Amino acid sequence: MSQQLEKIKTLEELKGHSIEDLLHEVLRNQEAITVTLEEGEAVLIQPAKLLKPLPELDGRVPEGWKDAIYGQ
C-alpha cells in the first residue's frame, strides 16, 4: 500500500497554471495538494479512490411487495 504524499502550494505559485494541469498532476502523482490562500485558509485537492462496481445479484422482486409492506 503506497503512502499518499501531500504538497503545499500558495495561490501565487499556481498563477499561470491551468486547473486542468493541476488536477492531472494530482492524479498522475497520487498526491494531495494543499493550496494556501492569502487569508490563511487552505483548500485540499486530493485524488479520490475509485469504488468497485456493485455486484449484480440473481433474484427477483415479487409483485405487490410494496403494497404488502406499506398496506398494513
PDB file of N, CA and C in Angstrom:
ATOM      1  N   MET A   1       0.854  -1.168   0.000  1.00  0.00           N
ATOM      2  CA  MET A   1       0.000   0.000   0.000  1.00  0.00           C
ATOM      3  C   MET A   1       0.899   1.231   0.000  1.00  0.00           C
ATOM      4  N   SER A   2       0.683   2.143  -0.953  1.00  0.00           N
ATOM      5  CA  SER A   2       1.523   3.327  -1.035  1.00  0.00           C
ATOM      6  C   SER A   2       0.987   4.432  -0.141  1.00  0.00           C
ATOM      7  N   GLN A   3       1.913   5.177   0.426  1.00  0.00           N
ATOM      8  CA  GLN A   3       1.533   6.285   1.290  1.00  0.00           C
ATOM      9  C   GLN A   3       1.219   7.494   0.422  1.00  0.00           C
ATOM     10  N   GLN A   4       0.123   8.164   0.730  1.00  0.00           N
ATOM     11  CA  GLN A   4      -0.269   9.314  -0.063  1.00  0.00           C
ATOM     12  C   GLN A   4       0.545  10.524   0.373  1.00  0.00           C
ATOM     13  N   LEU A   5       1.168  11.192  -0.592  1.00  0.00           N
ATOM     14  CA  LEU A   5       2.004  12.351  -0.324  1.00  0.00           C
ATOM     15  C   LEU A   5       1.166  13.613  -0.388  1.00  0.00           C
ATOM     16  N   GLU A   6       1.706  14.693   0.196  1.00  0.00           N
ATOM     17  CA  GLU A   6       0.992  15.964   0.153  1.00  0.00           C
ATOM     18  C   GLU A   6       1.979  17.090  -0.120  1.00  0.00           C
ATOM     19  N   LYS A   7       1.621  17.961  -1.050  1.00  0.00           N
ATOM     20  CA  LYS A   7       2.398  19.159  -1.344  1.00  0.00           C
ATOM     21  C   LYS A   7       1.616  20.357  -0.861  1.00  0.00           C
ATOM     22  N   ILE A   8       2.326  21.408  -0.512  1.00  0.00           N
ATOM     23  CA  ILE A   8       1.679  22.663  -0.131  1.00  0.00           C
ATOM     24  C   ILE A   8       2.152  23.729  -1.105  1.00  0.00           C
ATOM     25  N   LYS A   9       1.179  24.397  -1.730  1.00  0.00           N
ATOM     26  CA  LYS A   9       1.487  25.460  -2.682  1.00  0.00           C
ATOM     27  C   LYS A   9       0.659  26.681  -2.329  1.00  0.00           C
ATOM     28  N   THR A  10       1.197  27.833  -2.652  1.00  0.00           N
ATOM     29  CA  THR A  10       0.432  29.063  -2.455  1.00  0.00           C
ATOM     30  C   THR A  10      -0.326  29.369  -3.737  1.00  0.00           C
ATOM     31  N   LEU A  11      -1.326  30.203  -3.609  1.00  0.00           N
ATOM     32  CA  LEU A  11      -2.105  30.615  -4.775  1.00  0.00           C
ATOM     33  C   LEU A  11      -1.205  31.335  -5.782  1.00  0.00           C
ATOM     34  N   GLU A  12      -0.250  32.092  -5.273  1.00  0.00           N
ATOM     35  CA  GLU A  12       0.696  32.819  -6.132  1.00  0.00           C
ATOM     36  C   GLU A  12       1.529  31.851  -6.970  1.00  0.00           C
ATOM     37  N   GLU A  13       1.944  30.722  -6.377  1.00  0.00           N
ATOM     38  CA  GLU A  13       2.738  29.721  -7.096  1.00  0.00           C
ATOM     39  C   GLU A  13       1.945  29.074  -8.230  1.00  0.00           C
ATOM     40  N   LEU A  14       0.636  29.034  -8.099  1.00  0.00           N
ATOM     41  CA  LEU A  14      -0.203  28.366  -9.099  1.00  0.00           C
ATOM     42  C   LEU A  14      -0.647  29.292 -10.226  1.00  0.00           C
ATOM     43  N   LYS A  15      -0.396  30.587 -10.098  1.00  0.00           N
ATOM     44  CA  LYS A  15      -0.782  31.508 -11.168  1.00  0.00           C
ATOM     45  C   LYS A  15      -0.046  31.137 -12.447  1.00  0.00           C
ATOM     46  N   GLY A  16      -0.774  31.117 -13.541  1.00  0.00           N
ATOM     47  CA  GLY A  16      -0.190  30.743 -14.823  1.00  0.00           C
ATOM     48  C   GLY A  16      -0.342  29.266 -15.139  1.00  0.00           C
ATOM     49  N   HIS A  17      -0.789  28.475 -14.174  1.00  0.00           N
ATOM     50  CA  HIS A  17      -1.032  27.052 -14.395  1.00  0.00           C
ATOM     51  C   HIS A  17      -2.541  26.841 -14.547  1.00  0.00           C
ATOM     52  N   SER A  18      -2.917  25.954 -15.432  1.00  0.00           N
ATOM     53  CA  SER A  18      -4.349  25.683 -15.607  1.00  0.00           C
ATOM     54  C   SER A  18      -4.821  24.717 -14.530  1.00  0.00           C
ATOM     55  N   ILE A  19      -6.093  24.804 -14.206  1.00  0.00           N
ATOM     56  CA  ILE A  19      -6.685  23.879 -13.235  1.00  0.00           C
ATOM     57  C   ILE A  19      -6.638  22.456 -13.775  1.00  0.00           C
ATOM     58  N   GLU A  20      -6.756  22.325 -15.084  1.00  0.00           N
ATOM     59  CA  GLU A  20      -6.681  21.000 -15.709  1.00  0.00           C
ATOM     60  C   GLU A  20      -5.319  20.357 -15.470  1.00  0.00           C
ATOM     61  N   ASP A  21      -4.250  21.141 -15.644  1.00  0.00           N
ATOM     62  CA  ASP A  21      -2.905  20.621 -15.398  1.00  0.00           C
ATOM     63  C   ASP A  21      -2.721  20.236 -13.933  1.00  0.00           C
ATOM     64  N   LEU A  22      -3.251  21.057 -13.034  1.00  0.00           N
ATOM     65  CA  LEU A  22      -3.144  20.782 -11.603  1.00  0.00           C
ATOM     66  C   LEU A  22      -3.848  19.475 -11.243  1.00  0.00           C
ATOM     67  N   LEU A  23      -5.054  19.283 -11.776  1.00  0.00           N
ATOM     68  CA  LEU A  23      -5.808  18.056 -11.478  1.00  0.00           C
ATOM     69  C   LEU A  23      -5.125  16.822 -12.060  1.00  0.00           C
ATOM     70  N   HIS A  24      -4.578  16.951 -13.266  1.00  0.00           N
ATOM     71  CA  HIS A  24      -3.857  15.819 -13.858  1.00  0.00           C
ATOM     72  C   HIS A  24      -2.608  15.484 -13.045  1.00  0.00           C
ATOM     73  N   GLU A  25      -1.943  16.496 -12.518  1.00  0.00           N
ATOM     74  CA  GLU A  25      -0.767  16.267 -11.677  1.00  0.00           C
ATOM     75  C   GLU A  25      -1.148  15.505 -10.403  1.00  0.00           C
ATOM     76  N   VAL A  26      -2.258  15.897  -9.794  1.00  0.00           N
ATOM     77  CA  VAL A  26      -2.723  15.217  -8.578  1.00  0.00           C
ATOM     78  C   VAL A  26      -2.997  13.744  -8.875  1.00  0.00           C
ATOM     79  N   LEU A  27      -3.680  13.470  -9.969  1.00  0.00           N
ATOM     80  CA  LEU A  27      -3.978  12.075 -10.330  1.00  0.00           C
ATOM     81  C   LEU A  27      -2.730  11.293 -10.713  1.00  0.00           C
ATOM     82  N   ARG A  28      -1.900  11.897 -11.536  1.00  0.00           N
ATOM     83  CA  ARG A  28      -0.707  11.207 -12.033  1.00  0.00           C
ATOM     84  C   ARG A  28       0.232  10.828 -10.879  1.00  0.00           C
ATOM     85  N   ASN A  29       0.432  11.752  -9.951  1.00  0.00           N
ATOM     86  CA  ASN A  29       1.368  11.525  -8.852  1.00  0.00           C
ATOM     87  C   ASN A  29       0.714  10.908  -7.619  1.00  0.00           C
ATOM     88  N   GLN A  30      -0.630  10.791  -7.646  1.00  0.00           N
ATOM     89  CA  GLN A  30      -1.365  10.266  -6.487  1.00  0.00           C
ATOM     90  C   GLN A  30      -0.938  10.974  -5.209  1.00  0.00           C
ATOM     91  N   GLU A  31      -0.939  12.321  -5.278  1.00  0.00           N
ATOM     92  CA  GLU A  31      -0.566  13.118  -4.121  1.00  0.00           C
ATOM     93  C   GLU A  31      -1.564  14.244  -3.927  1.00  0.00           C
ATOM     94  N   ALA A  32      -1.810  14.561  -2.678  1.00  0.00           N
ATOM     95  CA  ALA A  32      -2.700  15.667  -2.353  1.00  0.00           C
ATOM     96  C   ALA A  32      -1.917  16.976  -2.461  1.00  0.00           C
ATOM     97  N   ILE A  33      -2.619  18.024  -2.842  1.00  0.00           N
ATOM     98  CA  ILE A  33      -2.025  19.355  -2.890  1.00  0.00           C
ATOM     99  C   ILE A  33      -2.889  20.274  -2.043  1.00  0.00           C
ATOM    100  N   THR A  34      -2.271  20.932  -1.079  1.00  0.00           N
ATOM    101  CA  THR A  34      -2.957  21.933  -0.279  1.00  0.00           C
ATOM    102  C   THR A  34      -2.589  23.296  -0.849  1.00  0.00           C
ATOM    103  N   VAL A  35      -3.604  24.061  -1.207  1.00  0.00           N
ATOM    104  CA  VAL A  35      -3.392  25.410  -1.734  1.00  0.00           C
ATOM    105  C   VAL A  35      -3.736  26.386  -0.617  1.00  0.00           C
ATOM    106  N   THR A  36      -2.737  27.156  -0.190  1.00  0.00           N
ATOM    107  CA  THR A  36      -2.973  28.135   0.868  1.00  0.00           C
ATOM    108  C   THR A  36      -3.365  29.464   0.245  1.00  0.00           C
ATOM    109  N   LEU A  37      -4.383  30.073   0.833  1.00  0.00           N
ATOM    110  CA  LEU A  37      -4.889  31.349   0.347  1.00  0.00           C
ATOM    111  C   LEU A  37      -4.336  32.478   1.203  1.00  0.00           C
ATOM    112  N   GLU A  38      -4.505  33.694   0.739  1.00  0.00           N
ATOM    113  CA  GLU A  38      -3.935  34.853   1.424  1.00  0.00           C
ATOM    114  C   GLU A  38      -4.516  35.060   2.812  1.00  0.00           C
ATOM    115  N   GLU A  39      -5.750  34.667   3.034  1.00  0.00           N
ATOM    116  CA  GLU A  39      -6.423  34.891   4.304  1.00  0.00           C
ATOM    117  C   GLU A  39      -6.047  33.846   5.360  1.00  0.00           C
ATOM    118  N   GLY A  40      -5.105  32.968   5.047  1.00  0.00           N
ATOM    119  CA  GLY A  40      -4.707  31.926   5.986  1.00  0.00           C
ATOM    120  C   GLY A  40      -5.544  30.668   5.867  1.00  0.00           C
ATOM    121  N   GLU A  41      -6.510  30.674   4.962  1.00  0.00           N
ATOM    122  CA  GLU A  41      -7.327  29.483   4.735  1.00  0.00           C
ATOM    123  C   GLU A  41      -6.643  28.602   3.698  1.00  0.00           C
ATOM    124  N   ALA A  42      -7.088  27.352   3.607  1.00  0.00           N
ATOM    125  CA  ALA A  42      -6.474  26.418   2.682  1.00  0.00           C
ATOM    126  C   ALA A  42      -7.537  25.545   2.026  1.00  0.00           C
ATOM    127  N   VAL A  43      -7.208  25.093   0.823  1.00  0.00           N
ATOM    128  CA  VAL A  43      -8.066  24.168   0.073  1.00  0.00           C
ATOM    129  C   VAL A  43      -7.229  22.927  -0.214  1.00  0.00           C
ATOM    130  N   LEU A  44      -7.802  21.758   0.078  1.00  0.00           N
ATOM    131  CA  LEU A  44      -7.122  20.497  -0.156  1.00  0.00           C
ATOM    132  C   LEU A  44      -7.671  19.860  -1.427  1.00  0.00           C
ATOM    133  N   ILE A  45      -6.774  19.522  -2.334  1.00  0.00           N
ATOM    134  CA  ILE A  45      -7.147  18.814  -3.570  1.00  0.00           C
ATOM    135  C   ILE A  45      -6.448  17.465  -3.501  1.00  0.00           C
ATOM    136  N   GLN A  46      -7.248  16.389  -3.530  1.00  0.00           N
ATOM    137  CA  GLN A  46      -6.645  15.066  -3.421  1.00  0.00           C
ATOM    138  C   GLN A  46      -7.346  14.078  -4.338  1.00  0.00           C
ATOM    139  N   PRO A  47      -6.608  13.042  -4.782  1.00  0.00           N
ATOM    140  CA  PRO A  47      -7.236  12.044  -5.645  1.00  0.00           C
ATOM    141  C   PRO A  47      -8.255  11.229  -4.852  1.00  0.00           C
ATOM    142  N   ALA A  48      -9.319  10.853  -5.516  1.00  0.00           N
ATOM    143  CA  ALA A  48     -10.360  10.040  -4.877  1.00  0.00           C
ATOM    144  C   ALA A  48     -10.122   8.575  -5.216  1.00  0.00           C
ATOM    145  N   LYS A  49     -10.491   7.724  -4.281  1.00  0.00           N
ATOM    146  CA  LYS A  49     -10.414   6.292  -4.538  1.00  0.00           C
ATOM    147  C   LYS A  49     -11.638   5.893  -5.352  1.00  0.00           C
ATOM    148  N   LEU A  50     -11.389   5.080  -6.360  1.00  0.00           N
ATOM    149  CA  LEU A  50     -12.489   4.620  -7.200  1.00  0.00           C
ATOM    150  C   LEU A  50     -13.231   3.496  -6.492  1.00  0.00           C
ATOM    151  N   LEU A  51     -14.536   3.541  -6.581  1.00  0.00           N
ATOM    152  CA  LEU A  51     -15.361   2.497  -5.991  1.00  0.00           C
ATOM    153  C   LEU A  51     -15.499   1.336  -6.969  1.00  0.00           C
ATOM    154  N   LYS A  52     -15.530   0.136  -6.429  1.00  0.00           N
ATOM    155  CA  LYS A  52     -15.766  -1.037  -7.266  1.00  0.00           C
ATOM    156  C   LYS A  52     -17.231  -1.041  -7.671  1.00  0.00           C
ATOM    157  N   PRO A  53     -17.529  -1.548  -8.861  1.00  0.00           N
ATOM    158  CA  PRO A  53     -18.928  -1.614  -9.270  1.00  0.00           C
ATOM    159  C   PRO A  53     -19.723  -2.540  -8.343  1.00  0.00           C
ATOM    160  N   LEU A  54     -20.989  -2.219  -8.170  1.00  0.00           N
ATOM    161  CA  LEU A  54     -21.853  -3.060  -7.347  1.00  0.00           C
ATOM    162  C   LEU A  54     -22.080  -4.394  -8.040  1.00  0.00           C
ATOM    163  N   PRO A  55     -22.144  -5.471  -7.268  1.00  0.00           N
ATOM    164  CA  PRO A  55     -22.374  -6.780  -7.884  1.00  0.00           C
ATOM    165  C   PRO A  55     -23.811  -6.888  -8.379  1.00  0.00           C
ATOM    166  N   GLU A  56     -23.986  -7.673  -9.418  1.00  0.00           N
ATOM    167  CA  GLU A  56     -25.326  -7.960  -9.899  1.00  0.00           C
ATOM    168  C   GLU A  56     -25.774  -9.262  -9.245  1.00  0.00           C
ATOM    169  N   LEU A  57     -26.887  -9.195  -8.553  1.00  0.00           N
ATOM    170  CA  LEU A  57     -27.372 -10.353  -7.815  1.00  0.00           C
ATOM    171  C   LEU A  57     -28.500 -11.040  -8.562  1.00  0.00           C
ATOM    172  N   ASP A  58     -28.520 -12.359  -8.474  1.00  0.00           N
ATOM    173  CA  ASP A  58     -29.623 -13.116  -9.052  1.00  0.00           C
ATOM    174  C   ASP A  58     -30.813 -12.994  -8.107  1.00  0.00           C
ATOM    175  N   GLY A  59     -31.975 -12.979  -8.658  1.00  0.00           N
ATOM    176  CA  GLY A  59     -33.163 -12.916  -7.817  1.00  0.00           C
ATOM    177  C   GLY A  59     -34.237 -12.085  -8.483  1.00  0.00           C
ATOM    178  N   ARG A  60     -35.313 -11.894  -7.761  1.00  0.00           N
ATOM    179  CA  ARG A  60     -36.413 -11.120  -8.311  1.00  0.00           C
ATOM    180  C   ARG A  60     -37.127 -10.402  -7.180  1.00  0.00           C
ATOM    181  N   VAL A  61     -37.890  -9.405  -7.536  1.00  0.00           N
ATOM    182  CA  VAL A  61     -38.728  -8.690  -6.578  1.00  0.00           C
ATOM    183  C   VAL A  61     -40.157  -9.145  -6.837  1.00  0.00           C
ATOM    184  N   PRO A  62     -40.815  -9.723  -5.824  1.00  0.00           N
ATOM    185  CA  PRO A  62     -42.167 -10.226  -6.047  1.00  0.00           C
ATOM    186  C   PRO A  62     -43.161  -9.098  -6.317  1.00  0.00           C
ATOM    187  N   GLU A  63     -44.146  -9.398  -7.154  1.00  0.00           N
ATOM    188  CA  GLU A  63     -45.210  -8.436  -7.435  1.00  0.00           C
ATOM    189  C   GLU A  63     -45.913  -8.066  -6.136  1.00  0.00           C
ATOM    190  N   GLY A  64     -46.247  -6.797  -5.983  1.00  0.00           N
ATOM    191  CA  GLY A  64     -47.003  -6.344  -4.833  1.00  0.00           C
ATOM    192  C   GLY A  64     -46.202  -6.225  -3.549  1.00  0.00           C
ATOM    193  N   TRP A  65     -44.879  -6.274  -3.616  1.00  0.00           N
ATOM    194  CA  TRP A  65     -44.069  -6.202  -2.402  1.00  0.00           C
ATOM    195  C   TRP A  65     -44.295  -4.893  -1.653  1.00  0.00           C
ATOM    196  N   LYS A  66     -44.433  -3.834  -2.398  1.00  0.00           N
ATOM    197  CA  LYS A  66     -44.599  -2.520  -1.771  1.00  0.00           C
ATOM    198  C   LYS A  66     -45.948  -2.427  -1.048  1.00  0.00           C
ATOM    199  N   ASP A  67     -46.995  -2.927  -1.696  1.00  0.00           N
ATOM    200  CA  ASP A  67     -48.323  -2.904  -1.080  1.00  0.00           C
ATOM    201  C   ASP A  67     -48.359  -3.772   0.178  1.00  0.00           C
ATOM    202  N   ALA A  68     -47.652  -4.884   0.158  1.00  0.00           N
ATOM    203  CA  ALA A  68     -47.651  -5.793   1.303  1.00  0.00           C
ATOM    204  C   ALA A  68     -46.980  -5.133   2.509  1.00  0.00           C
ATOM    205  N   ILE A  69     -45.939  -4.355   2.286  1.00  0.00           N
ATOM    206  CA  ILE A  69     -45.212  -3.717   3.391  1.00  0.00           C
ATOM    207  C   ILE A  69     -45.957  -2.485   3.883  1.00  0.00           C
ATOM    208  N   TYR A  70     -46.396  -1.631   2.977  1.00  0.00           N
ATOM    209  CA  TYR A  70     -46.985  -0.366   3.366  1.00  0.00           C
ATOM    210  C   TYR A  70     -48.511  -0.425   3.535  1.00  0.00           C
ATOM    211  N   GLY A  71     -49.118  -1.501   3.123  1.00  0.00           N
ATOM    212  CA  GLY A  71     -50.561  -1.615   3.197  1.00  0.00           C
ATOM    213  C   GLY A  71     -51.080  -1.989   4.577  1.00  0.00           C
ATOM    214  N   GLN A  72     -50.206  -2.313   5.493  1.00  0.00           N
ATOM    215  CA  GLN A  72     -50.626  -2.770   6.819  1.00  0.00           C
ATOM    216  C   GLN A  72     -51.069  -1.637   7.713  1.00  0.00           C
TER     217      GLN A  72
END
